[in-house]
Amino acid sequence: MAYLPLSTANLPDPAIDPAQGSSPEDYFDTALYTGNGTSTEVSTLNFQPDFVWGKKRSTSGSHFLLDSIRGVNSTLSSDTTGAEDTSTDIFTSFDSDGFTVGANGQSNSNGVTYVAWNWKANGSGVSNTDGSITSTVSANTESGFSVGTFVGNQTSGATVGHGLSQAPEMLIIRDRPTANDWPVYHASVGATAFLKLNATNVQATDSGLWNNTAPTASVFTLGSSNLANNNTKSHVFYAFHSVDGFSKLGSYTGNGSADGPFVYTGFRPAFVIIKNADFGEIWPMFDDKRDADNQVENPVYANLSGSEGTSSSRGLDFLSNGFKIRGTDTSVNRSGDTHIYMAFAENPFKYSNAR
């Protein structure tokens, strides 16, 4: 048997392969901008985004989440239970190389710095009848991401088509017109439990969310809880699964040490979000644009409106093939606890260099 030399060049080609002209930044990227108070065009992306998740950095302010299914005038905030906002000036367009924000202070305060995380799906969406509830879905099967909407019926066992070719490992769902929580499914805690994106709650066991049924390659299943299946109400969902060399969803066990766990992703991360599933903690979000050098220690938090800050106790190292926990804070490294994560690539391991 012939053996190849031990070299990253001899690793398998990733699903999204820069050598074939397809970069991770064609499907996910972080954009930074400074508001001007009137209209700001952000044109630093390689694609037209279908999901934009933005946040003030230099001062406090709620997150703003928009997508191509709900449209540019429909905004939700991950840090609140507030119903969908239909303001016309938070966001004005999804553009071929980014997006444009209007004069609203949430997205465009003069002199304030912002971060926006962007995902590409597949445009304005199509009808999906795979489930017992018809959905409208924009899905990118290459990158393992879809966004969609459906109308709940509060029936246990109802199913919704997600448009992907594999079972989602993470689902974020939101009842749009109602003041409500943000339930989250993550494969590492399973279909008998859920978390709340807008809160610090530990994983809670409740069959009313996912009907104790894991998603399949075509649908996810809902219970009778009004958090994810409110009768007659429109809901939005964001679905993700791992793609070799591009995205990774999983979990690790904290050790409480500054020499924390190493988490192999198969790529150098561009973005990581973490939640301690076993302890009441916040959702820190990290990226390589706001913090280009190790230690990565300038998180913002999915469930909080506060400004960006430096927190070495929550710090990570972004490495060529994963990330290493350097902080001892219980949000990222409580000893013995399960911490879930979702990460997206800057570069696949085959083409990555250490930072």
Protein backbone atom coordinates (compact mmCIF):
# COMPACT_ATOMS: atom_id res chain seq x y z
CA MET A 1 0.00 0.00 0.00
CA ALA A 2 1.32 3.43 -0.96
CA TYR A 3 1.15 6.21 1.61
CA LEU A 4 1.09 9.92 0.96
CA PRO A 5 3.34 12.31 2.89
CA LEU A 6 1.86 13.85 6.03
CA SER A 7 0.79 17.19 4.59
CA THR A 8 -2.36 19.31 4.54
CA ALA A 9 -2.02 19.33 0.74
CA ASN A 10 -2.93 15.65 0.81
CA LEU A 11 -6.13 16.16 2.78
CA PRO A 12 -9.41 15.46 0.95
CA ASP A 13 -10.86 18.34 -1.02
CA PRO A 14 -13.47 20.26 1.01
CA ALA A 15 -17.07 20.52 -0.16
CA ILE A 16 -16.61 24.25 -0.75
CA ASP A 17 -13.17 24.27 -2.35
CA PRO A 18 -11.12 27.44 -2.99
CA ALA A 19 -9.01 25.50 -5.50
CA GLN A 20 -12.17 25.05 -7.58
CA GLY A 21 -13.13 28.71 -7.34
CA SER A 22 -15.60 28.32 -4.46
CA SER A 23 -14.71 30.08 -1.22
CA PRO A 24 -16.38 29.97 2.21
CA GLU A 25 -16.73 33.75 1.83
CA ASP A 26 -19.13 33.10 -1.06
CA TYR A 27 -21.66 31.71 1.45
CA PHE A 28 -20.89 33.31 4.82
CA ASP A 29 -19.03 36.48 5.71
CA THR A 30 -18.86 39.17 8.36
CA ALA A 31 -19.22 42.84 7.40
CA LEU A 32 -18.17 45.85 9.47
CA TYR A 33 -19.42 49.37 8.87
CA THR A 34 -19.84 52.77 10.48
CA GLY A 35 -23.26 54.43 10.43
CA ASN A 36 -23.87 57.86 8.89
CA GLY A 37 -27.43 58.47 10.11
CA THR A 38 -28.98 58.65 6.64
CA SER A 39 -28.27 55.72 4.29
CA THR A 40 -25.26 53.40 4.38
CA GLU A 41 -24.43 50.89 1.66
CA VAL A 42 -22.36 47.93 2.83
CA SER A 43 -20.70 46.41 -0.23
CA THR A 44 -17.94 44.14 1.09
CA LEU A 45 -19.53 40.73 0.40
CA ASN A 46 -19.08 38.27 -2.46
CA PHE A 47 -22.81 37.51 -2.53
CA GLN A 48 -26.29 38.88 -2.00
CA PRO A 49 -27.22 37.82 1.54
CA ASP A 50 -30.46 36.04 2.37
CA PHE A 51 -29.98 36.35 6.13
CA VAL A 52 -28.38 39.35 7.84
CA TRP A 53 -27.81 39.43 11.60
CA GLY A 54 -26.55 42.84 12.70
CA LYS A 55 -25.54 44.55 15.94
CA LYS A 56 -24.13 47.85 17.21
CA ARG A 57 -20.56 47.50 18.46
CA SER A 58 -19.50 50.83 19.96
CA THR A 59 -22.69 51.41 21.92
CA SER A 60 -25.65 49.39 23.15
CA GLY A 61 -28.57 48.51 20.90
CA SER A 62 -30.73 45.54 20.01
CA HIS A 63 -29.70 43.04 17.36
CA PHE A 64 -31.50 43.22 14.01
CA LEU A 65 -32.24 40.05 12.03
CA LEU A 66 -33.63 40.21 8.50
CA ASP A 67 -33.98 37.71 5.68
CA SER A 68 -35.04 37.48 2.05
CA ILE A 69 -38.22 35.53 2.88
CA ARG A 70 -39.71 38.08 5.30
CA GLY A 71 -38.32 41.03 3.32
CA VAL A 72 -36.40 44.22 4.04
CA ASN A 73 -39.10 45.80 6.20
CA SER A 74 -39.42 42.94 8.70
CA THR A 75 -36.92 42.93 11.57
CA LEU A 76 -36.61 40.76 14.66
CA SER A 77 -34.23 41.16 17.62
CA SER A 78 -32.59 38.11 19.19
CA ASP A 79 -32.13 39.86 22.53
CA THR A 80 -35.83 40.57 23.09
CA THR A 81 -39.19 38.83 23.01
CA GLY A 82 -40.65 41.70 21.00
CA ALA A 83 -42.82 41.03 17.97
CA GLU A 84 -41.54 41.64 14.46
CA ASP A 85 -40.86 45.30 13.62
CA THR A 86 -42.08 46.52 10.22
CA SER A 87 -40.12 49.79 10.07
CA THR A 88 -39.13 50.81 6.55
CA ASP A 89 -35.85 52.51 7.49
CA ILE A 90 -33.91 49.89 9.46
CA PHE A 91 -33.02 48.07 6.25
CA THR A 92 -33.72 49.16 2.69
CA SER A 93 -32.25 46.50 0.36
CA PHE A 94 -30.38 43.26 -0.08
CA ASP A 95 -27.71 44.04 -2.69
CA SER A 96 -25.56 41.90 -4.99
CA ASP A 97 -22.48 42.59 -2.83
CA GLY A 98 -24.07 43.32 0.54
CA PHE A 99 -26.97 45.41 1.80
CA THR A 100 -28.14 48.95 2.48
CA VAL A 101 -29.45 50.30 5.78
CA GLY A 102 -31.72 53.33 6.19
CA ALA A 103 -31.82 56.20 8.65
CA ASN A 104 -33.07 54.20 11.66
CA GLY A 105 -30.78 54.45 14.67
CA GLN A 106 -30.92 50.71 15.32
CA SER A 107 -28.94 49.98 12.16
CA ASN A 108 -27.39 53.32 11.19
CA SER A 109 -26.64 55.75 14.01
CA ASN A 110 -24.16 58.39 12.91
CA GLY A 111 -20.60 57.52 13.94
CA VAL A 112 -21.56 54.21 15.55
CA THR A 113 -19.71 51.06 14.49
CA TYR A 114 -21.63 47.91 13.52
CA VAL A 115 -21.07 44.23 12.79
CA ALA A 116 -23.29 42.15 10.49
CA TRP A 117 -23.04 38.40 9.90
CA ASN A 118 -24.34 37.32 6.51
CA TRP A 119 -25.49 34.01 5.02
CA LYS A 120 -26.40 33.12 1.44
CA ALA A 121 -29.40 30.85 0.86
CA ASN A 122 -31.19 30.83 -2.52
CA GLY A 123 -33.15 34.02 -3.02
CA SER A 124 -36.74 34.86 -2.22
CA GLY A 125 -37.93 31.30 -1.62
CA VAL A 126 -40.21 28.62 -3.01
CA SER A 127 -43.14 26.64 -1.68
CA ASN A 128 -42.17 23.43 0.12
CA THR A 129 -44.79 20.72 0.72
CA ASP A 130 -42.54 18.06 2.27
CA GLY A 131 -44.22 18.49 5.65
CA SER A 132 -47.79 18.51 6.90
CA ILE A 133 -47.45 22.31 7.06
CA THR A 134 -46.50 24.02 3.80
CA SER A 135 -43.49 26.30 4.15
CA THR A 136 -41.81 28.92 2.00
CA VAL A 137 -38.08 28.15 1.92
CA SER A 138 -34.86 29.58 0.57
CA ALA A 139 -32.29 26.79 0.83
CA ASN A 140 -28.65 26.40 -0.09
CA THR A 141 -27.91 22.68 -0.04
CA GLU A 142 -24.22 23.25 -0.81
CA SER A 143 -23.61 25.33 2.31
CA GLY A 144 -26.17 23.60 4.57
CA PHE A 145 -28.28 26.65 5.37
CA SER A 146 -31.94 27.48 4.81
CA VAL A 147 -34.40 30.13 5.92
CA GLY A 148 -38.14 29.74 5.74
CA THR A 149 -41.55 30.69 7.04
CA PHE A 150 -44.64 28.68 7.97
CA VAL A 151 -47.95 29.16 9.74
CA GLY A 152 -48.29 27.19 12.96
CA ASN A 153 -51.22 24.94 13.86
CA GLN A 154 -50.27 23.97 17.46
CA THR A 155 -50.67 20.29 16.55
CA SER A 156 -48.28 17.74 18.05
CA GLY A 157 -46.41 15.92 15.31
CA ALA A 158 -46.80 18.63 12.68
CA THR A 159 -43.88 18.63 10.23
CA VAL A 160 -42.28 21.44 8.22
CA GLY A 161 -40.05 21.09 5.15
CA HIS A 162 -36.68 22.81 5.55
CA GLY A 163 -35.35 22.42 2.00
CA LEU A 164 -31.93 20.96 2.86
CA SER A 165 -30.47 17.62 1.80
CA GLN A 166 -29.43 16.61 5.33
CA ALA A 167 -31.05 16.85 8.74
CA PRO A 168 -30.46 20.23 10.40
CA GLU A 169 -28.24 20.16 13.46
CA MET A 170 -29.48 23.54 14.65
CA LEU A 171 -32.85 25.24 14.26
CA ILE A 172 -33.71 28.75 15.40
CA ILE A 173 -37.44 29.53 15.27
CA ARG A 174 -39.41 32.68 16.00
CA ASP A 175 -43.12 33.43 16.16
CA ARG A 176 -43.24 36.66 14.16
CA PRO A 177 -46.32 38.69 15.22
CA THR A 178 -46.32 37.74 18.91
CA ALA A 179 -44.15 38.74 21.88
CA ASN A 180 -42.44 35.42 22.45
CA ASP A 181 -39.15 33.58 23.06
CA TRP A 182 -36.66 32.24 20.49
CA PRO A 183 -36.58 28.41 20.85
CA VAL A 184 -33.43 26.67 19.62
CA TYR A 185 -32.93 23.02 18.68
CA HIS A 186 -29.35 21.73 18.71
CA ALA A 187 -28.45 18.13 17.92
CA SER A 188 -25.97 18.01 20.80
CA VAL A 189 -28.77 18.41 23.36
CA GLY A 190 -31.28 16.40 21.34
CA ALA A 191 -34.94 16.61 20.41
CA THR A 192 -36.28 16.25 23.94
CA ALA A 193 -34.84 19.62 25.00
CA PHE A 194 -34.53 23.19 23.81
CA LEU A 195 -32.69 26.42 24.56
CA LYS A 196 -33.73 30.05 24.21
CA LEU A 197 -31.61 32.35 22.03
CA ASN A 198 -32.91 35.42 23.87
CA ALA A 199 -32.24 34.10 27.36
CA THR A 200 -29.64 32.45 29.59
CA ASN A 201 -31.81 29.41 30.39
CA VAL A 202 -30.23 25.98 30.59
CA GLN A 203 -31.53 23.28 28.27
CA ALA A 204 -35.10 22.47 29.23
CA THR A 205 -36.86 19.17 28.62
CA ASP A 206 -40.18 19.73 26.84
CA SER A 207 -41.87 17.50 24.29
CA GLY A 208 -43.99 20.47 23.24
CA LEU A 209 -41.16 21.92 21.17
CA TRP A 210 -39.88 19.16 18.87
CA ASN A 211 -42.30 16.37 19.80
CA ASN A 212 -39.24 14.35 20.93
CA THR A 213 -38.42 13.83 17.26
CA ALA A 214 -35.12 14.72 15.60
CA PRO A 215 -35.21 16.45 12.20
CA THR A 216 -34.83 14.34 9.07
CA ALA A 217 -33.24 15.12 5.72
CA SER A 218 -36.52 16.69 4.59
CA VAL A 219 -38.53 17.95 7.61
CA PHE A 220 -38.40 19.01 11.23
CA THR A 221 -41.15 18.07 13.67
CA LEU A 222 -43.03 20.33 16.06
CA GLY A 223 -45.01 19.78 19.22
CA SER A 224 -47.95 21.79 20.50
CA SER A 225 -45.97 24.56 22.24
CA ASN A 226 -46.82 28.06 21.09
CA LEU A 227 -43.11 28.94 21.19
CA ALA A 228 -42.44 27.18 17.88
CA ASN A 229 -45.93 26.27 16.63
CA ASN A 230 -48.32 29.04 17.65
CA ASN A 231 -51.73 28.45 16.07
CA THR A 232 -52.41 30.62 12.98
CA LYS A 233 -49.21 32.64 13.54
CA SER A 234 -46.45 33.03 10.99
CA HIS A 235 -43.04 31.75 12.11
CA VAL A 236 -39.57 32.14 10.65
CA PHE A 237 -36.89 29.45 10.95
CA TYR A 238 -33.16 29.29 10.29
CA ALA A 239 -31.76 25.77 9.73
CA PHE A 240 -28.10 24.73 9.67
CA HIS A 241 -26.10 21.52 9.28
CA SER A 242 -22.35 20.89 9.15
CA VAL A 243 -20.53 20.94 5.81
CA ASP A 244 -16.94 19.63 5.69
CA GLY A 245 -14.49 22.50 5.51
CA PHE A 246 -17.20 25.17 5.79
CA SER A 247 -19.35 24.79 8.90
CA LYS A 248 -19.39 22.72 12.05
CA LEU A 249 -22.03 22.26 14.73
CA GLY A 250 -21.25 20.28 17.83
CA SER A 251 -20.38 20.43 21.51
CA TYR A 252 -17.45 20.19 23.89
CA THR A 253 -17.06 19.63 27.63
CA GLY A 254 -15.54 22.45 29.63
CA ASN A 255 -12.56 21.92 31.94
CA GLY A 256 -12.49 25.28 33.77
CA SER A 257 -8.84 25.87 32.81
CA ALA A 258 -7.12 28.58 30.77
CA ASP A 259 -5.67 25.60 28.88
CA GLY A 260 -9.17 24.84 27.72
CA PRO A 261 -10.56 22.28 25.28
CA PHE A 262 -9.48 22.24 21.65
CA VAL A 263 -12.45 21.90 19.30
CA TYR A 264 -11.66 20.44 15.88
CA THR A 265 -13.75 21.96 13.11
CA GLY A 266 -11.71 21.10 10.01
CA PHE A 267 -11.18 24.78 9.16
CA ARG A 268 -9.92 28.08 10.50
CA PRO A 269 -13.01 29.73 11.98
CA ALA A 270 -14.44 33.02 10.81
CA PHE A 271 -17.34 32.96 13.28
CA VAL A 272 -18.24 31.02 16.43
CA ILE A 273 -21.27 31.21 18.70
CA ILE A 274 -21.29 29.26 22.00
CA LYS A 275 -23.85 28.43 24.69
CA ASN A 276 -23.33 26.54 27.94
CA ALA A 277 -26.28 24.15 27.77
CA ASP A 278 -26.02 23.11 31.42
CA PHE A 279 -25.69 26.47 33.16
CA GLY A 280 -27.58 29.75 33.01
CA GLU A 281 -25.22 31.74 30.80
CA ILE A 282 -25.13 34.17 27.89
CA TRP A 283 -24.54 33.42 24.16
CA PRO A 284 -21.10 34.89 23.19
CA MET A 285 -20.48 35.51 19.48
CA PHE A 286 -16.96 35.83 18.02
CA ASP A 287 -15.63 36.59 14.54
CA ASP A 288 -12.35 37.18 12.72
CA LYS A 289 -13.21 40.63 11.36
CA ARG A 290 -13.70 42.38 14.71
CA ASP A 291 -10.79 40.50 16.27
CA ALA A 292 -8.16 39.57 13.69
CA ASP A 293 -5.53 38.23 16.10
CA ASN A 294 -5.46 35.64 18.84
CA GLN A 295 -6.66 35.78 21.54
CA VAL A 296 -10.16 36.40 20.12
CA GLU A 297 -11.79 38.15 23.07
CA ASN A 298 -14.23 40.80 21.86
CA PRO A 299 -17.60 39.06 21.96
CA VAL A 300 -21.05 40.45 21.62
CA TYR A 301 -23.93 38.39 22.95
CA ALA A 302 -26.95 37.08 21.08
CA ASN A 303 -29.24 37.62 24.06
CA LEU A 304 -27.95 41.03 25.17
CA SER A 305 -28.11 44.55 23.74
CA GLY A 306 -24.86 45.77 25.29
CA SER A 307 -21.91 47.08 23.31
CA GLU A 308 -18.89 45.05 22.29
CA GLY A 309 -16.34 44.62 25.03
CA THR A 310 -13.05 42.92 25.76
CA SER A 311 -13.39 39.74 27.81
CA SER A 312 -10.24 37.64 28.10
CA SER A 313 -12.11 35.33 30.47
CA ARG A 314 -14.24 34.31 27.46
CA GLY A 315 -11.35 34.28 25.00
CA LEU A 316 -10.64 31.77 22.21
CA ASP A 317 -7.80 31.07 19.83
CA PHE A 318 -8.84 30.66 16.19
CA LEU A 319 -6.53 27.97 14.79
CA SER A 320 -5.99 26.50 11.33
CA ASN A 321 -8.21 23.50 12.09
CA GLY A 322 -10.50 24.63 14.90
CA PHE A 323 -10.60 26.76 18.02
CA LYS A 324 -9.17 26.45 21.51
CA ILE A 325 -10.82 27.79 24.63
CA ARG A 326 -8.52 30.13 26.56
CA GLY A 327 -11.02 31.65 28.96
CA THR A 328 -12.31 30.24 32.23
CA ASP A 329 -15.66 32.01 32.28
CA THR A 330 -18.61 29.67 32.81
CA SER A 331 -20.19 30.83 29.53
CA VAL A 332 -17.44 29.11 27.52
CA ASN A 333 -15.62 26.75 29.89
CA ARG A 334 -17.46 25.60 32.99
CA SER A 335 -15.88 22.37 34.13
CA GLY A 336 -17.93 19.29 33.26
CA ASP A 337 -20.63 21.21 31.41
CA THR A 338 -21.73 20.67 27.82
CA HIS A 339 -21.19 23.74 25.64
CA ILE A 340 -22.84 23.76 22.23
CA TYR A 341 -21.43 25.74 19.32
CA MET A 342 -21.91 26.67 15.68
CA ALA A 343 -18.88 27.73 13.62
CA PHE A 344 -18.28 28.91 10.05
CA ALA A 345 -15.02 28.87 8.09
CA GLU A 346 -12.57 31.50 7.00
CA ASN A 347 -10.59 28.79 5.17
CA PRO A 348 -10.72 24.97 5.08
CA PHE A 349 -7.88 23.25 6.99
CA LYS A 350 -6.34 22.14 3.67
CA TYR A 351 -5.64 25.78 2.80
CA SER A 352 -5.31 27.34 6.27
CA ASN A 353 -2.34 28.85 8.01
CA ALA A 354 -2.03 29.41 11.74
CA ARG A 355 -2.78 32.94 13.00
